[in-house]
Amino acid sequence: MSHEDWPAIVARAEGEGLRPIAADYGVSQETIRAVLRRAGRADLLADVGRRRSLEAAAPLPPPAPAKIPKERHAEIVILCQRHTQAEVAAIFGVSQATVWRIVRRATGAKRPDAGVTSGT
């Protein structure tokens, strides 16, 4: 790898991970890190700076829509008064943990073991 390759490596590192760059040049990631440091672009190696530059290059996809809309949360709370959370989860096609989170948010309930300390 010659000094003429450095600008291209720096440009790619602004929007790409180090692994694919290293693979294309047939070198290790550490070699790419060394090139970036010597080129005065160690900021691309810092987690915060790197995360920001990668996010700018390729924004994260939007979050997945909720499987159960908020309008139906009250219905779930009512059903959980007559059925187990596992049964309600089976009806809606979600996990019991999802039902638990909905009930917890709706009722403000905390985990039964929250704040309990073991006596020794």
Protein backbone atom coordinates (compact mmCIF):
# COMPACT_ATOMS: atom_id res chain seq x y z
CA MET A 1 0.00 0.00 0.00
CA SER A 2 1.46 3.32 -1.05
CA HIS A 3 0.99 6.88 0.17
CA GLU A 4 -1.11 7.54 -2.93
CA ASP A 5 -3.75 5.15 -1.54
CA TRP A 6 -4.17 7.10 1.70
CA PRO A 7 -6.67 9.73 0.45
CA ALA A 8 -8.92 7.01 -0.93
CA ILE A 9 -8.68 5.06 2.34
CA VAL A 10 -9.54 8.16 4.37
CA ALA A 11 -12.49 8.93 2.09
CA ARG A 12 -13.83 5.39 2.44
CA ALA A 13 -13.30 5.38 6.22
CA GLU A 14 -15.58 8.41 6.52
CA GLY A 15 -18.54 6.28 5.47
CA GLU A 16 -17.47 2.66 5.73
CA GLY A 17 -16.21 0.24 8.32
CA LEU A 18 -12.54 -0.68 8.54
CA ARG A 19 -13.05 -4.38 7.79
CA PRO A 20 -14.20 -4.03 4.18
CA ILE A 21 -11.48 -1.48 3.46
CA ALA A 22 -8.82 -3.77 4.93
CA ALA A 23 -10.17 -6.73 2.95
CA ASP A 24 -10.06 -4.76 -0.32
CA TYR A 25 -6.42 -3.81 0.26
CA GLY A 26 -5.44 -7.22 1.60
CA VAL A 27 -4.23 -5.85 4.93
CA SER A 28 -5.36 -5.98 8.54
CA GLN A 29 -7.70 -3.52 10.22
CA GLU A 30 -4.76 -2.37 12.31
CA THR A 31 -2.93 -1.34 9.14
CA ILE A 32 -5.92 0.76 8.09
CA ARG A 33 -6.00 2.27 11.61
CA ALA A 34 -2.30 3.15 11.29
CA VAL A 35 -2.90 4.79 7.89
CA LEU A 36 -5.72 6.89 9.34
CA ARG A 37 -3.54 7.97 12.27
CA ARG A 38 -0.61 8.87 9.99
CA ALA A 39 -2.95 10.74 7.66
CA GLY A 40 -4.07 12.87 10.60
CA ARG A 41 -7.58 11.40 10.72
CA ALA A 42 -7.48 9.59 14.07
CA ASP A 43 -10.87 11.22 14.72
CA LEU A 44 -12.33 8.54 12.46
CA LEU A 45 -11.19 5.94 14.98
CA ALA A 46 -12.94 7.52 17.98
CA ASP A 47 -16.21 5.79 18.77
CA VAL A 48 -18.30 8.95 19.02
CA GLY A 49 -16.86 10.61 15.93
CA ARG A 50 -16.96 7.41 13.93
CA ARG A 51 -20.52 6.64 14.95
CA ARG A 52 -21.61 10.13 13.89
CA SER A 53 -19.88 9.90 10.53
CA LEU A 54 -21.32 6.46 9.83
CA GLU A 55 -24.81 7.61 10.85
CA ALA A 56 -24.50 10.57 8.51
CA ALA A 57 -23.39 8.31 5.67
CA ALA A 58 -26.05 5.67 6.26
CA PRO A 59 -28.88 6.69 8.57
CA LEU A 60 -30.51 4.00 10.67
CA PRO A 61 -33.77 2.53 9.40
CA PRO A 62 -36.94 3.70 11.11
CA PRO A 63 -38.12 1.61 14.07
CA ALA A 64 -40.48 -1.23 13.33
CA PRO A 65 -44.14 -0.43 13.93
CA ALA A 66 -45.68 -1.79 17.10
CA LYS A 67 -47.39 -5.16 16.68
CA ILE A 68 -50.15 -4.02 18.99
CA PRO A 69 -51.32 -0.44 18.48
CA LYS A 70 -51.66 1.75 21.57
CA GLU A 71 -55.40 1.94 21.00
CA ARG A 72 -55.65 -1.74 21.97
CA HIS A 73 -53.53 -1.56 25.14
CA ALA A 74 -56.61 -0.98 27.35
CA GLU A 75 -58.16 -4.12 25.87
CA ILE A 76 -55.07 -6.11 26.79
CA VAL A 77 -55.16 -4.84 30.37
CA ILE A 78 -58.81 -5.90 30.67
CA LEU A 79 -58.13 -9.33 29.16
CA CYS A 80 -55.25 -9.85 31.60
CA GLN A 81 -57.71 -9.52 34.47
CA ARG A 82 -59.49 -12.67 33.27
CA HIS A 83 -56.68 -14.55 31.50
CA THR A 84 -52.99 -15.16 32.00
CA GLN A 85 -50.54 -12.97 30.13
CA ALA A 86 -49.42 -16.01 28.17
CA GLU A 87 -52.99 -16.62 26.99
CA VAL A 88 -53.42 -12.98 25.99
CA ALA A 89 -50.08 -13.10 24.17
CA ALA A 90 -51.23 -16.15 22.20
CA ILE A 91 -54.44 -14.34 21.19
CA PHE A 92 -52.48 -11.35 19.84
CA GLY A 93 -49.57 -13.37 18.42
CA VAL A 94 -46.90 -11.71 20.55
CA SER A 95 -44.68 -12.82 23.41
CA GLN A 96 -45.77 -12.84 27.04
CA ALA A 97 -43.03 -10.28 27.70
CA THR A 98 -44.72 -7.87 25.26
CA VAL A 99 -48.02 -8.24 27.11
CA TRP A 100 -46.24 -7.76 30.44
CA ARG A 101 -44.64 -4.51 29.21
CA ILE A 102 -48.01 -3.19 28.01
CA VAL A 103 -49.69 -4.01 31.33
CA ARG A 104 -46.77 -2.53 33.28
CA ARG A 105 -46.90 0.74 31.33
CA ALA A 106 -50.68 0.98 31.57
CA THR A 107 -50.92 0.26 35.28
CA GLY A 108 -47.62 1.66 36.47
CA ALA A 109 -46.90 -1.69 38.10
CA LYS A 110 -43.33 -2.56 38.92
CA ARG A 111 -41.69 -5.93 38.92
CA PRO A 112 -42.66 -7.91 42.02
CA ASP A 113 -39.01 -8.29 43.04
CA ALA A 114 -38.07 -4.63 42.46
CA GLY A 115 -36.60 -3.05 45.53
CA VAL A 116 -36.52 -6.29 47.48
CA THR A 117 -33.21 -6.93 49.18
CA SER A 118 -32.11 -10.28 50.42
CA GLY A 119 -31.40 -10.52 54.11
CA THR A 120 -28.03 -11.94 55.06
